[in-house]
C-alpha atoms as a PDB file:
ATOM      1  CA  MET A   1       0.000  -0.010  -0.011  1.00  0.00           C
ATOM      2  CA  TYR A   2       2.815   2.396   0.862  1.00  0.00           C
ATOM      3  CA  ARG A   3       4.370   1.749  -2.574  1.00  0.00           C
ATOM      4  CA  ILE A   4       1.070   2.657  -4.309  1.00  0.00           C
ATOM      5  CA  PHE A   5       0.733   5.901  -2.393  1.00  0.00           C
ATOM      6  CA  ALA A   6       4.380   6.712  -3.092  1.00  0.00           C
ATOM      7  CA  VAL A   7       3.831   6.244  -6.858  1.00  0.00           C
ATOM      8  CA  ILE A   8       0.671   8.391  -6.787  1.00  0.00           C
ATOM      9  CA  ALA A   9       2.491  11.089  -4.853  1.00  0.00           C
ATOM     10  CA  ALA A  10       5.354  11.030  -7.309  1.00  0.00           C
ATOM     11  CA  LEU A  11       2.951  11.427 -10.223  1.00  0.00           C
ATOM     12  CA  PHE A  12       1.277  14.449  -8.616  1.00  0.00           C
ATOM     13  CA  MET A  13       4.604  15.995  -7.847  1.00  0.00           C
ATOM     14  CA  ALA A  14       5.580  15.643 -11.509  1.00  0.00           C
ATOM     15  CA  LEU A  15       2.454  17.357 -12.798  1.00  0.00           C
ATOM     16  CA  PRO A  16       3.496  20.984 -12.133  1.00  0.00           C
ATOM     17  CA  ALA A  17       6.908  20.371 -13.769  1.00  0.00           C
ATOM     18  CA  ALA A  18       5.271  18.893 -16.844  1.00  0.00           C
ATOM     19  CA  ALA A  19       2.891  21.846 -17.153  1.00  0.00           C
ATOM     20  CA  GLN A  20       5.751  24.305 -16.666  1.00  0.00           C
ATOM     21  CA  ALA A  21       7.784  22.601 -19.423  1.00  0.00           C
ATOM     22  CA  ALA A  22       5.344  23.891 -22.084  1.00  0.00           C
ATOM     23  CA  ASP A  23       5.707  27.469 -20.908  1.00  0.00           C
ATOM     24  CA  VAL A  24       8.027  29.693 -22.855  1.00  0.00           C
ATOM     25  CA  ASN A  25      10.201  32.664 -21.872  1.00  0.00           C
ATOM     26  CA  GLY A  26      11.459  35.188 -24.351  1.00  0.00           C
ATOM     27  CA  ALA A  27      13.119  38.566 -24.387  1.00  0.00           C
ATOM     28  CA  GLY A  28      14.388  41.143 -26.818  1.00  0.00           C
ATOM     29  CA  ALA A  29      13.145  43.681 -29.337  1.00  0.00           C
ATOM     30  CA  SER A  30      10.543  46.252 -28.387  1.00  0.00           C
ATOM     31  CA  PHE A  31       9.572  46.614 -32.071  1.00  0.00           C
ATOM     32  CA  PRO A  32       7.293  43.527 -31.960  1.00  0.00           C
ATOM     33  CA  TYR A  33       6.305  43.736 -28.300  1.00  0.00           C
ATOM     34  CA  PRO A  34       2.634  44.710 -28.906  1.00  0.00           C
ATOM     35  CA  ILE A  35       1.985  41.786 -31.205  1.00  0.00           C
ATOM     36  CA  TYR A  36       3.965  39.224 -29.129  1.00  0.00           C
ATOM     37  CA  SER A  37       1.968  40.250 -26.102  1.00  0.00           C
ATOM     38  CA  ALA A  38      -1.323  39.877 -27.953  1.00  0.00           C
ATOM     39  CA  TRP A  39      -0.333  36.504 -29.377  1.00  0.00           C
ATOM     40  CA  ALA A  40       0.805  35.321 -25.935  1.00  0.00           C
ATOM     41  CA  PHE A  41      -2.597  36.237 -24.467  1.00  0.00           C
ATOM     42  CA  GLY A  42      -4.465  34.309 -27.177  1.00  0.00           C
ATOM     43  CA  TYR A  43      -2.098  31.343 -26.962  1.00  0.00           C
ATOM     44  CA  GLU A  44      -2.516  30.964 -23.217  1.00  0.00           C
ATOM     45  CA  LYS A  45      -6.260  31.364 -23.443  1.00  0.00           C
ATOM     46  CA  GLU A  46      -6.507  28.532 -25.962  1.00  0.00           C
ATOM     47  CA  THR A  47      -3.720  26.194 -24.859  1.00  0.00           C
ATOM     48  CA  GLY A  48      -3.087  27.032 -21.201  1.00  0.00           C
ATOM     49  CA  SER A  49       0.623  27.500 -21.913  1.00  0.00           C
ATOM     50  CA  LYS A  50       2.162  30.809 -20.984  1.00  0.00           C
ATOM     51  CA  VAL A  51       4.553  32.844 -23.083  1.00  0.00           C
ATOM     52  CA  ASN A  52       6.366  35.480 -21.074  1.00  0.00           C
ATOM     53  CA  TYR A  53       8.071  38.160 -23.188  1.00  0.00           C
ATOM     54  CA  GLN A  54      10.264  40.967 -21.862  1.00  0.00           C
ATOM     55  CA  SER A  55      10.801  44.013 -24.036  1.00  0.00           C
ATOM     56  CA  ILE A  56      14.482  44.772 -23.329  1.00  0.00           C
ATOM     57  CA  GLY A  57      15.906  45.649 -26.778  1.00  0.00           C
ATOM     58  CA  SER A  58      17.373  43.425 -29.462  1.00  0.00           C
ATOM     59  CA  GLY A  59      20.855  43.509 -27.963  1.00  0.00           C
ATOM     60  CA  GLY A  60      19.534  42.198 -24.650  1.00  0.00           C
ATOM     61  CA  GLY A  61      17.491  39.494 -26.391  1.00  0.00           C
ATOM     62  CA  ILE A  62      20.502  38.219 -28.318  1.00  0.00           C
ATOM     63  CA  LYS A  63      22.603  38.200 -25.148  1.00  0.00           C
ATOM     64  CA  GLN A  64      20.017  36.360 -23.063  1.00  0.00           C
ATOM     65  CA  VAL A  65      19.231  33.639 -25.617  1.00  0.00           C
ATOM     66  CA  THR A  66      22.980  33.123 -26.249  1.00  0.00           C
ATOM     67  CA  GLU A  67      23.520  32.743 -22.522  1.00  0.00           C
ATOM     68  CA  GLY A  68      20.537  30.384 -22.225  1.00  0.00           C
ATOM     69  CA  THR A  69      18.601  32.494 -19.748  1.00  0.00           C
ATOM     70  CA  VAL A  70      15.541  32.614 -21.990  1.00  0.00           C
ATOM     71  CA  ASP A  71      14.003  30.101 -24.442  1.00  0.00           C
ATOM     72  CA  PHE A  72      14.022  32.593 -27.361  1.00  0.00           C
ATOM     73  CA  GLY A  73      15.454  35.950 -28.157  1.00  0.00           C
ATOM     74  CA  ALA A  74      13.930  38.496 -30.512  1.00  0.00           C
ATOM     75  CA  SER A  75      15.916  40.890 -32.656  1.00  0.00           C
ATOM     76  CA  ASP A  76      15.210  43.305 -35.442  1.00  0.00           C
ATOM     77  CA  ASP A  77      18.880  43.202 -36.351  1.00  0.00           C
ATOM     78  CA  PRO A  78      19.351  39.783 -38.044  1.00  0.00           C
ATOM     79  CA  LEU A  79      22.451  37.744 -37.310  1.00  0.00           C
ATOM     80  CA  SER A  80      24.688  36.263 -39.967  1.00  0.00           C
ATOM     81  CA  THR A  81      24.849  32.520 -40.449  1.00  0.00           C
ATOM     82  CA  GLU A  82      28.408  32.600 -39.025  1.00  0.00           C
ATOM     83  CA  ASP A  83      27.267  34.271 -35.803  1.00  0.00           C
ATOM     84  CA  LEU A  84      24.284  31.934 -35.516  1.00  0.00           C
ATOM     85  CA  ALA A  85      26.542  28.882 -35.897  1.00  0.00           C
ATOM     86  CA  LYS A  86      28.935  30.094 -33.215  1.00  0.00           C
ATOM     87  CA  ALA A  87      26.080  30.550 -30.772  1.00  0.00           C
ATOM     88  CA  GLY A  88      24.206  27.373 -31.751  1.00  0.00           C
ATOM     89  CA  LEU A  89      21.127  29.325 -32.823  1.00  0.00           C
ATOM     90  CA  ILE A  90      18.571  29.329 -35.578  1.00  0.00           C
ATOM     91  CA  GLN A  91      16.844  32.446 -36.780  1.00  0.00           C
ATOM     92  CA  PHE A  92      13.497  33.023 -38.546  1.00  0.00           C
ATOM     93  CA  PRO A  93      11.191  35.971 -39.237  1.00  0.00           C
ATOM     94  CA  ALA A  94       8.005  36.265 -37.245  1.00  0.00           C
ATOM     95  CA  VAL A  95       6.219  39.326 -38.550  1.00  0.00           C
ATOM     96  CA  LEU A  96       6.801  42.405 -40.673  1.00  0.00           C
ATOM     97  CA  GLY A  97       6.390  46.070 -39.827  1.00  0.00           C
ATOM     98  CA  GLY A  98       7.836  49.517 -40.310  1.00  0.00           C
ATOM     99  CA  VAL A  99       9.736  52.249 -38.509  1.00  0.00           C
ATOM    100  CA  VAL A 100       8.390  55.789 -38.690  1.00  0.00           C
ATOM    101  CA  ALA A 101       9.694  59.235 -37.913  1.00  0.00           C
ATOM    102  CA  VAL A 102       7.522  60.731 -35.186  1.00  0.00           C
ATOM    103  CA  ILE A 103       7.235  64.405 -34.506  1.00  0.00           C
ATOM    104  CA  ASN A 104       5.799  66.899 -32.002  1.00  0.00           C
ATOM    105  CA  LEU A 105       5.225  69.927 -34.154  1.00  0.00           C
ATOM    106  CA  ASP A 106       2.364  72.378 -33.736  1.00  0.00           C
ATOM    107  CA  GLY A 107       0.156  72.680 -36.803  1.00  0.00           C
ATOM    108  CA  PHE A 108       1.046  69.290 -38.319  1.00  0.00           C
ATOM    109  CA  ALA A 109      -1.117  66.201 -38.386  1.00  0.00           C
ATOM    110  CA  ASN A 110      -0.179  62.700 -39.530  1.00  0.00           C
ATOM    111  CA  ASN A 111       1.581  62.625 -42.920  1.00  0.00           C
ATOM    112  CA  GLU A 112       1.542  66.406 -43.322  1.00  0.00           C
ATOM    113  CA  LEU A 113       5.279  66.913 -42.779  1.00  0.00           C
ATOM    114  CA  VAL A 114       7.301  65.419 -45.666  1.00  0.00           C
ATOM    115  CA  LEU A 115      10.879  64.225 -45.115  1.00  0.00           C
ATOM    116  CA  SER A 116      13.485  62.723 -47.359  1.00  0.00           C
ATOM    117  CA  GLY A 117      16.161  60.250 -46.316  1.00  0.00           C
ATOM    118  CA  PRO A 118      19.117  62.571 -46.829  1.00  0.00           C
ATOM    119  CA  VAL A 119      17.427  65.480 -45.008  1.00  0.00           C
ATOM    120  CA  MET A 120      16.434  63.253 -42.097  1.00  0.00           C
ATOM    121  CA  ALA A 121      20.036  61.990 -41.893  1.00  0.00           C
ATOM    122  CA  ASP A 122      21.214  65.610 -41.678  1.00  0.00           C
ATOM    123  CA  VAL A 123      18.677  66.289 -38.871  1.00  0.00           C
ATOM    124  CA  PHE A 124      19.866  63.329 -36.811  1.00  0.00           C
ATOM    125  CA  GLN A 125      23.461  64.187 -37.541  1.00  0.00           C
ATOM    126  CA  GLY A 126      23.003  67.759 -36.279  1.00  0.00           C
ATOM    127  CA  LYS A 127      23.667  69.417 -39.651  1.00  0.00           C
ATOM    128  CA  ILE A 128      20.082  70.708 -39.746  1.00  0.00           C
ATOM    129  CA  THR A 129      19.137  72.252 -36.445  1.00  0.00           C
ATOM    130  CA  LYS A 130      16.088  74.415 -37.118  1.00  0.00           C
ATOM    131  CA  TRP A 131      12.607  73.331 -38.265  1.00  0.00           C
ATOM    132  CA  ASN A 132      12.506  76.173 -40.817  1.00  0.00           C
ATOM    133  CA  ASP A 133      15.804  75.186 -42.404  1.00  0.00           C
ATOM    134  CA  PRO A 134      15.701  75.736 -46.221  1.00  0.00           C
ATOM    135  CA  ALA A 135      16.111  71.970 -46.862  1.00  0.00           C
ATOM    136  CA  LEU A 136      12.985  71.195 -44.799  1.00  0.00           C
ATOM    137  CA  ALA A 137      11.097  74.169 -46.277  1.00  0.00           C
ATOM    138  CA  ALA A 138      11.837  72.910 -49.819  1.00  0.00           C
ATOM    139  CA  LEU A 139      10.177  69.586 -48.977  1.00  0.00           C
ATOM    140  CA  ASN A 140       7.169  71.309 -47.499  1.00  0.00           C
ATOM    141  CA  PRO A 141       6.180  74.225 -49.791  1.00  0.00           C
ATOM    142  CA  GLY A 142       3.354  76.345 -48.613  1.00  0.00           C
ATOM    143  CA  LYS A 143       3.610  75.098 -45.031  1.00  0.00           C
ATOM    144  CA  THR A 144       4.621  77.166 -42.033  1.00  0.00           C
ATOM    145  CA  LEU A 145       7.589  75.625 -40.243  1.00  0.00           C
ATOM    146  CA  PRO A 146       8.518  77.183 -36.873  1.00  0.00           C
ATOM    147  CA  ASP A 147      11.764  79.041 -36.224  1.00  0.00           C
ATOM    148  CA  ALA A 148      12.556  76.566 -33.467  1.00  0.00           C
ATOM    149  CA  GLU A 149      15.365  74.203 -32.534  1.00  0.00           C
ATOM    150  CA  ILE A 150      14.843  70.571 -33.481  1.00  0.00           C
ATOM    151  CA  ASN A 151      14.955  68.325 -30.432  1.00  0.00           C
ATOM    152  CA  VAL A 152      16.206  64.906 -31.503  1.00  0.00           C
ATOM    153  CA  VAL A 153      15.294  61.789 -29.519  1.00  0.00           C
ATOM    154  CA  TYR A 154      17.043  58.452 -30.113  1.00  0.00           C
ATOM    155  CA  ARG A 155      17.162  54.971 -28.551  1.00  0.00           C
ATOM    156  CA  SER A 156      19.624  54.794 -25.665  1.00  0.00           C
ATOM    157  CA  ASP A 157      19.574  50.979 -25.378  1.00  0.00           C
ATOM    158  CA  SER A 158      20.955  48.349 -27.755  1.00  0.00           C
ATOM    159  CA  SER A 159      18.088  48.396 -30.186  1.00  0.00           C
ATOM    160  CA  GLY A 160      17.039  46.588 -33.363  1.00  0.00           C
ATOM    161  CA  THR A 161      14.829  49.552 -34.202  1.00  0.00           C
ATOM    162  CA  SER A 162      18.023  51.691 -34.164  1.00  0.00           C
ATOM    163  CA  ALA A 163      19.712  49.079 -36.372  1.00  0.00           C
ATOM    164  CA  ILE A 164      16.866  49.369 -38.915  1.00  0.00           C
ATOM    165  CA  PHE A 165      16.796  53.169 -38.793  1.00  0.00           C
ATOM    166  CA  THR A 166      20.574  53.662 -39.003  1.00  0.00           C
ATOM    167  CA  ASN A 167      20.810  51.049 -41.772  1.00  0.00           C
ATOM    168  CA  TYR A 168      18.283  53.179 -43.712  1.00  0.00           C
ATOM    169  CA  LEU A 169      20.198  56.369 -43.015  1.00  0.00           C
ATOM    170  CA  SER A 170      23.449  54.713 -44.159  1.00  0.00           C
ATOM    171  CA  VAL A 171      21.791  53.683 -47.427  1.00  0.00           C
ATOM    172  CA  VAL A 172      20.358  57.144 -48.210  1.00  0.00           C
ATOM    173  CA  SER A 173      23.225  59.261 -46.920  1.00  0.00           C
ATOM    174  CA  SER A 174      26.908  58.698 -47.668  1.00  0.00           C
ATOM    175  CA  GLY A 175      27.716  61.315 -44.997  1.00  0.00           C
ATOM    176  CA  TRP A 176      25.854  59.315 -42.363  1.00  0.00           C
ATOM    177  CA  LYS A 177      27.434  56.048 -43.508  1.00  0.00           C
ATOM    178  CA  GLY A 178      30.938  57.469 -43.411  1.00  0.00           C
ATOM    179  CA  SER A 179      30.712  59.194 -40.037  1.00  0.00           C
ATOM    180  CA  ILE A 180      28.104  57.329 -37.977  1.00  0.00           C
ATOM    181  CA  GLY A 181      27.281  53.993 -39.636  1.00  0.00           C
ATOM    182  CA  ALA A 182      24.624  51.437 -38.782  1.00  0.00           C
ATOM    183  CA  GLY A 183      24.062  49.280 -35.704  1.00  0.00           C
ATOM    184  CA  LYS A 184      22.002  48.550 -32.637  1.00  0.00           C
ATOM    185  CA  SER A 185      24.085  51.196 -30.811  1.00  0.00           C
ATOM    186  CA  VAL A 186      25.815  54.103 -32.480  1.00  0.00           C
ATOM    187  CA  ASN A 187      27.426  57.335 -31.272  1.00  0.00           C
ATOM    188  CA  TRP A 188      24.576  59.752 -31.844  1.00  0.00           C
ATOM    189  CA  PRO A 189      25.950  63.208 -32.615  1.00  0.00           C
ATOM    190  CA  VAL A 190      23.011  65.152 -31.174  1.00  0.00           C
ATOM    191  CA  GLY A 191      19.873  64.649 -29.109  1.00  0.00           C
ATOM    192  CA  VAL A 192      18.830  62.827 -25.970  1.00  0.00           C
ATOM    193  CA  GLY A 193      18.346  59.118 -25.499  1.00  0.00           C
ATOM    194  CA  ALA A 194      15.282  57.182 -24.307  1.00  0.00           C
ATOM    195  CA  LYS A 195      14.940  53.477 -23.548  1.00  0.00           C
ATOM    196  CA  GLY A 196      12.754  51.309 -25.796  1.00  0.00           C
ATOM    197  CA  ASN A 197      10.201  52.226 -28.412  1.00  0.00           C
ATOM    198  CA  ASP A 198       7.885  53.242 -25.576  1.00  0.00           C
ATOM    199  CA  GLY A 199      10.515  55.522 -24.119  1.00  0.00           C
ATOM    200  CA  VAL A 200      11.145  57.334 -27.410  1.00  0.00           C
ATOM    201  CA  ALA A 201       7.386  57.534 -28.060  1.00  0.00           C
ATOM    202  CA  GLY A 202       6.836  59.069 -24.635  1.00  0.00           C
ATOM    203  CA  SER A 203       9.663  61.537 -24.958  1.00  0.00           C
ATOM    204  CA  VAL A 204       8.503  62.799 -28.331  1.00  0.00           C
ATOM    205  CA  LYS A 205       4.960  63.130 -27.070  1.00  0.00           C
ATOM    206  CA  ARG A 206       6.156  65.303 -24.139  1.00  0.00           C
ATOM    207  CA  VAL A 207       8.798  67.485 -25.815  1.00  0.00           C
ATOM    208  CA  LYS A 208       7.737  70.226 -28.193  1.00  0.00           C
ATOM    209  CA  ASN A 209       9.506  70.521 -31.570  1.00  0.00           C
ATOM    210  CA  SER A 210      10.955  67.008 -31.230  1.00  0.00           C
ATOM    211  CA  ILE A 211      11.562  64.195 -33.684  1.00  0.00           C
ATOM    212  CA  GLY A 212      12.329  60.528 -33.043  1.00  0.00           C
ATOM    213  CA  TYR A 213      11.871  57.102 -34.585  1.00  0.00           C
ATOM    214  CA  VAL A 214       9.659  54.233 -33.376  1.00  0.00           C
ATOM    215  CA  GLU A 215       7.910  51.195 -34.656  1.00  0.00           C
ATOM    216  CA  TYR A 216       4.655  52.132 -36.342  1.00  0.00           C
ATOM    217  CA  ALA A 217       2.413  50.313 -33.831  1.00  0.00           C
ATOM    218  CA  TYR A 218       3.822  52.458 -30.991  1.00  0.00           C
ATOM    219  CA  ALA A 219       3.118  55.678 -32.933  1.00  0.00           C
ATOM    220  CA  ALA A 220      -0.428  54.549 -33.666  1.00  0.00           C
ATOM    221  CA  GLU A 221      -1.095  53.272 -30.139  1.00  0.00           C
ATOM    222  CA  ASN A 222       0.264  56.438 -28.495  1.00  0.00           C
ATOM    223  CA  LYS A 223      -1.395  58.742 -31.051  1.00  0.00           C
ATOM    224  CA  ILE A 224       1.906  60.440 -31.928  1.00  0.00           C
ATOM    225  CA  THR A 225       2.105  62.342 -35.216  1.00  0.00           C
ATOM    226  CA  TRP A 226       4.277  60.774 -37.911  1.00  0.00           C
ATOM    227  CA  ALA A 227       5.827  62.174 -41.103  1.00  0.00           C
ATOM    228  CA  SER A 228       5.532  60.997 -44.668  1.00  0.00           C
ATOM    229  CA  LEU A 229       8.719  59.972 -46.492  1.00  0.00           C
ATOM    230  CA  ILE A 230      10.001  60.140 -50.010  1.00  0.00           C
ATOM    231  CA  ASN A 231      10.814  56.580 -51.078  1.00  0.00           C
ATOM    232  CA  LYS A 232      13.379  55.215 -53.503  1.00  0.00           C
ATOM    233  CA  ALA A 233      11.000  55.710 -56.452  1.00  0.00           C
ATOM    234  CA  GLY A 234      10.749  59.406 -55.555  1.00  0.00           C
ATOM    235  CA  LYS A 235       7.131  59.061 -54.365  1.00  0.00           C
ATOM    236  CA  THR A 236       5.825  60.584 -51.137  1.00  0.00           C
ATOM    237  CA  VAL A 237       4.307  57.711 -49.128  1.00  0.00           C
ATOM    238  CA  ALA A 238       2.540  57.402 -45.789  1.00  0.00           C
ATOM    239  CA  PRO A 239       3.199  54.500 -43.410  1.00  0.00           C
ATOM    240  CA  SER A 240       0.617  51.730 -43.565  1.00  0.00           C
ATOM    241  CA  ILE A 241       0.478  47.922 -43.556  1.00  0.00           C
ATOM    242  CA  GLU A 242      -0.055  48.124 -47.313  1.00  0.00           C
ATOM    243  CA  ALA A 243       3.125  50.189 -47.722  1.00  0.00           C
ATOM    244  CA  PHE A 244       5.059  47.732 -45.515  1.00  0.00           C
ATOM    245  CA  ALA A 245       3.748  44.782 -47.479  1.00  0.00           C
ATOM    246  CA  ALA A 246       4.697  46.506 -50.727  1.00  0.00           C
ATOM    247  CA  ALA A 247       8.280  46.834 -49.450  1.00  0.00           C
ATOM    248  CA  ALA A 248       8.391  43.167 -48.507  1.00  0.00           C
ATOM    249  CA  ALA A 249       6.807  41.949 -51.762  1.00  0.00           C
ATOM    250  CA  SER A 250      10.037  41.749 -53.724  1.00  0.00           C
ATOM    251  CA  ALA A 251      12.180  40.411 -50.882  1.00  0.00           C
ATOM    252  CA  GLU A 252      14.171  37.252 -51.544  1.00  0.00           C
ATOM    253  CA  TRP A 253      13.968  35.127 -48.431  1.00  0.00           C
ATOM    254  CA  ASP A 254      16.836  32.631 -48.265  1.00  0.00           C
ATOM    255  CA  ARG A 255      16.653  29.748 -45.754  1.00  0.00           C
ATOM    256  CA  GLY A 256      20.348  29.066 -46.396  1.00  0.00           C
ATOM    257  CA  LYS A 257      21.159  32.516 -44.988  1.00  0.00           C
ATOM    258  CA  ALA A 258      18.741  32.080 -42.040  1.00  0.00           C
ATOM    259  CA  TYR A 259      16.473  34.630 -43.741  1.00  0.00           C
ATOM    260  CA  PHE A 260      18.990  37.472 -43.214  1.00  0.00           C
ATOM    261  CA  ILE A 261      17.500  40.470 -45.005  1.00  0.00           C
ATOM    262  CA  TRP A 262      16.987  44.247 -44.775  1.00  0.00           C
ATOM    263  CA  LEU A 263      13.896  45.820 -46.263  1.00  0.00           C
ATOM    264  CA  VAL A 264      14.996  49.469 -46.288  1.00  0.00           C
ATOM    265  CA  GLU A 265      14.774  51.514 -49.521  1.00  0.00           C
ATOM    266  CA  ALA A 266      12.800  48.786 -51.292  1.00  0.00           C
ATOM    267  CA  GLU A 267      11.809  49.146 -54.920  1.00  0.00           C
ATOM    268  CA  GLY A 268       8.253  50.164 -55.878  1.00  0.00           C
ATOM    269  CA  ASP A 269       6.157  53.286 -56.003  1.00  0.00           C
ATOM    270  CA  ALA A 270       4.076  52.230 -52.975  1.00  0.00           C
ATOM    271  CA  SER A 271       6.878  50.896 -50.752  1.00  0.00           C
ATOM    272  CA  TRP A 272       7.563  52.400 -47.331  1.00  0.00           C
ATOM    273  CA  PRO A 273      11.329  53.008 -47.184  1.00  0.00           C
ATOM    274  CA  ILE A 274      11.910  51.827 -43.589  1.00  0.00           C
ATOM    275  CA  ALA A 275      10.131  48.485 -43.546  1.00  0.00           C
ATOM    276  CA  ALA A 276      11.547  45.583 -41.582  1.00  0.00           C
ATOM    277  CA  ALA A 277      11.212  42.001 -40.479  1.00  0.00           C
ATOM    278  CA  THR A 278      11.637  41.086 -36.849  1.00  0.00           C
ATOM    279  CA  PHE A 279      13.380  37.771 -36.065  1.00  0.00           C
ATOM    280  CA  ILE A 280      13.266  34.978 -33.485  1.00  0.00           C
ATOM    281  CA  LEU A 281      16.425  33.302 -32.258  1.00  0.00           C
ATOM    282  CA  VAL A 282      16.364  29.849 -30.621  1.00  0.00           C
ATOM    283  CA  LYS A 283      19.095  27.461 -29.494  1.00  0.00           C
ATOM    284  CA  THR A 284      18.987  24.077 -31.205  1.00  0.00           C
ATOM    285  CA  ALA A 285      20.644  22.059 -28.484  1.00  0.00           C
ATOM    286  CA  ASP A 286      17.499  21.551 -26.378  1.00  0.00           C
ATOM    287  CA  LYS A 287      14.944  20.017 -28.732  1.00  0.00           C
ATOM    288  CA  GLN A 288      12.081  20.292 -26.245  1.00  0.00           C
ATOM    289  CA  VAL A 289      12.615  24.028 -25.796  1.00  0.00           C
ATOM    290  CA  LEU A 290      12.893  24.363 -29.568  1.00  0.00           C
ATOM    291  CA  LYS A 291       9.606  22.529 -29.959  1.00  0.00           C
ATOM    292  CA  ASN A 292       7.913  24.667 -27.282  1.00  0.00           C
ATOM    293  CA  VAL A 293       8.984  27.830 -29.022  1.00  0.00           C
ATOM    294  CA  THR A 294       8.056  26.717 -32.516  1.00  0.00           C
ATOM    295  CA  ASP A 295       4.727  25.392 -31.233  1.00  0.00           C
ATOM    296  CA  PHE A 296       3.913  28.894 -30.089  1.00  0.00           C
ATOM    297  CA  PHE A 297       4.917  30.465 -33.401  1.00  0.00           C
ATOM    298  CA  GLU A 298       3.061  27.811 -35.335  1.00  0.00           C
ATOM    299  CA  TRP A 299      -0.072  28.880 -33.461  1.00  0.00           C
ATOM    300  CA  CYS A 300       0.796  32.493 -34.333  1.00  0.00           C
ATOM    301  CA  PHE A 301       1.206  31.633 -38.009  1.00  0.00           C
ATOM    302  CA  GLN A 302      -2.125  29.814 -38.070  1.00  0.00           C
ATOM    303  CA  LYS A 303      -4.251  32.016 -35.855  1.00  0.00           C
ATOM    304  CA  GLY A 304      -2.457  35.347 -35.310  1.00  0.00           C
ATOM    305  CA  ASP A 305      -2.748  37.109 -38.667  1.00  0.00           C
ATOM    306  CA  ALA A 306      -5.880  39.082 -37.849  1.00  0.00           C
ATOM    307  CA  GLU A 307      -4.416  40.347 -34.608  1.00  0.00           C
ATOM    308  CA  ALA A 308      -1.180  41.318 -36.394  1.00  0.00           C
ATOM    309  CA  VAL A 309      -3.116  43.404 -38.913  1.00  0.00           C
ATOM    310  CA  ARG A 310      -5.189  45.011 -36.176  1.00  0.00           C
ATOM    311  CA  LEU A 311      -1.956  46.131 -34.509  1.00  0.00           C
ATOM    312  CA  GLN A 312      -0.536  47.460 -37.788  1.00  0.00           C
ATOM    313  CA  TYR A 313       1.861  44.602 -38.531  1.00  0.00           C
ATOM    314  CA  VAL A 314       2.151  42.565 -41.713  1.00  0.00           C
ATOM    315  CA  PRO A 315       1.832  38.755 -41.348  1.00  0.00           C
ATOM    316  CA  LEU A 316       4.337  36.654 -43.176  1.00  0.00           C
ATOM    317  CA  PRO A 317       3.242  35.515 -46.635  1.00  0.00           C
ATOM    318  CA  GLU A 318       1.934  31.908 -46.633  1.00  0.00           C
ATOM    319  CA  PRO A 319       4.772  30.592 -48.826  1.00  0.00           C
ATOM    320  CA  LEU A 320       7.302  32.049 -46.408  1.00  0.00           C
ATOM    321  CA  LYS A 321       5.487  30.468 -43.443  1.00  0.00           C
ATOM    322  CA  GLY A 322       5.735  27.101 -45.173  1.00  0.00           C
ATOM    323  CA  ASP A 323       9.455  27.589 -45.769  1.00  0.00           C
ATOM    324  CA  VAL A 324       9.991  28.526 -42.098  1.00  0.00           C
ATOM    325  CA  ARG A 325       8.175  25.347 -41.041  1.00  0.00           C
ATOM    326  CA  GLY A 326      10.635  23.333 -43.129  1.00  0.00           C
ATOM    327  CA  TYR A 327      13.480  25.189 -41.445  1.00  0.00           C
ATOM    328  CA  TRP A 328      12.110  24.208 -38.015  1.00  0.00           C
ATOM    329  CA  GLN A 329      11.936  20.556 -39.106  1.00  0.00           C
ATOM    330  CA  GLU A 330      15.546  20.650 -40.147  1.00  0.00           C
ATOM    331  CA  ALA A 331      16.558  22.140 -36.805  1.00  0.00           C
ATOM    332  CA  GLN A 332      14.695  19.406 -34.914  1.00  0.00           C
ATOM    333  CA  LYS A 333      16.807  16.624 -36.527  1.00  0.00           C
END
């Protein structure tokens, strides 16, 4: 009898551990935080498994997954196949979106201020310091720009959003590329730093005559005014899921390169020039953790598209989802 009770007790003691094994912990980019949070809520409601995601910036996400303190990392700055191999990681895109320039400028509503890539690079480099500078006035004929100092706000943490934005500035401005360059952290010549997309969004919302850059969902959620941009085709475009999708339409996704790609300055009249994919990083050594993570993103691929669109993200195209599933299968071997 004692043996039977001992077996039953052992089984009950094992139950919490088994339930916990299906839970997933992730950390990283703030760019996709709104959609990952929404997906996690739906996933737990349907399956009972929790997905805990901390928005700590892409650099932090890469560090934590490499050190094995989380089950997956999230980064908007994709890693090369060499770096992935060194860390024992795989990498795949989860969702698409866009980065926007946000402003706090009296008299301007969404899309009313027009910026070009080279002019925006000069603003963030401190070469253009006043809102009524002739270069800005030329892009906005007939509009009254204030004789006020431009207050620049940038990301202070190691950020994939910064990597996307500075990659774009490096493409459109040789001066930016030569003096500042691209990366998750750069030496910003002017301005003040704020942590996370939410920090930049909050700072721009508080500070008059300011400009910053955030993921589109943060601008929409926080009701912060954004600017239109002149794209590679010379067209003035407004940010939207359609414009992000147009930028991604011609992308060549390569499984052999772990889907490494930048979507800035994409071809096409309708393309938003600072579109981006956000990526998931998972170690391959622990196959159960890998399965737990990919089970969650499989649910997202199947049932999360409507929520992604609601939050102003672009779901992955179905053919790309299928290719990613094949990539997961290879990693499980």
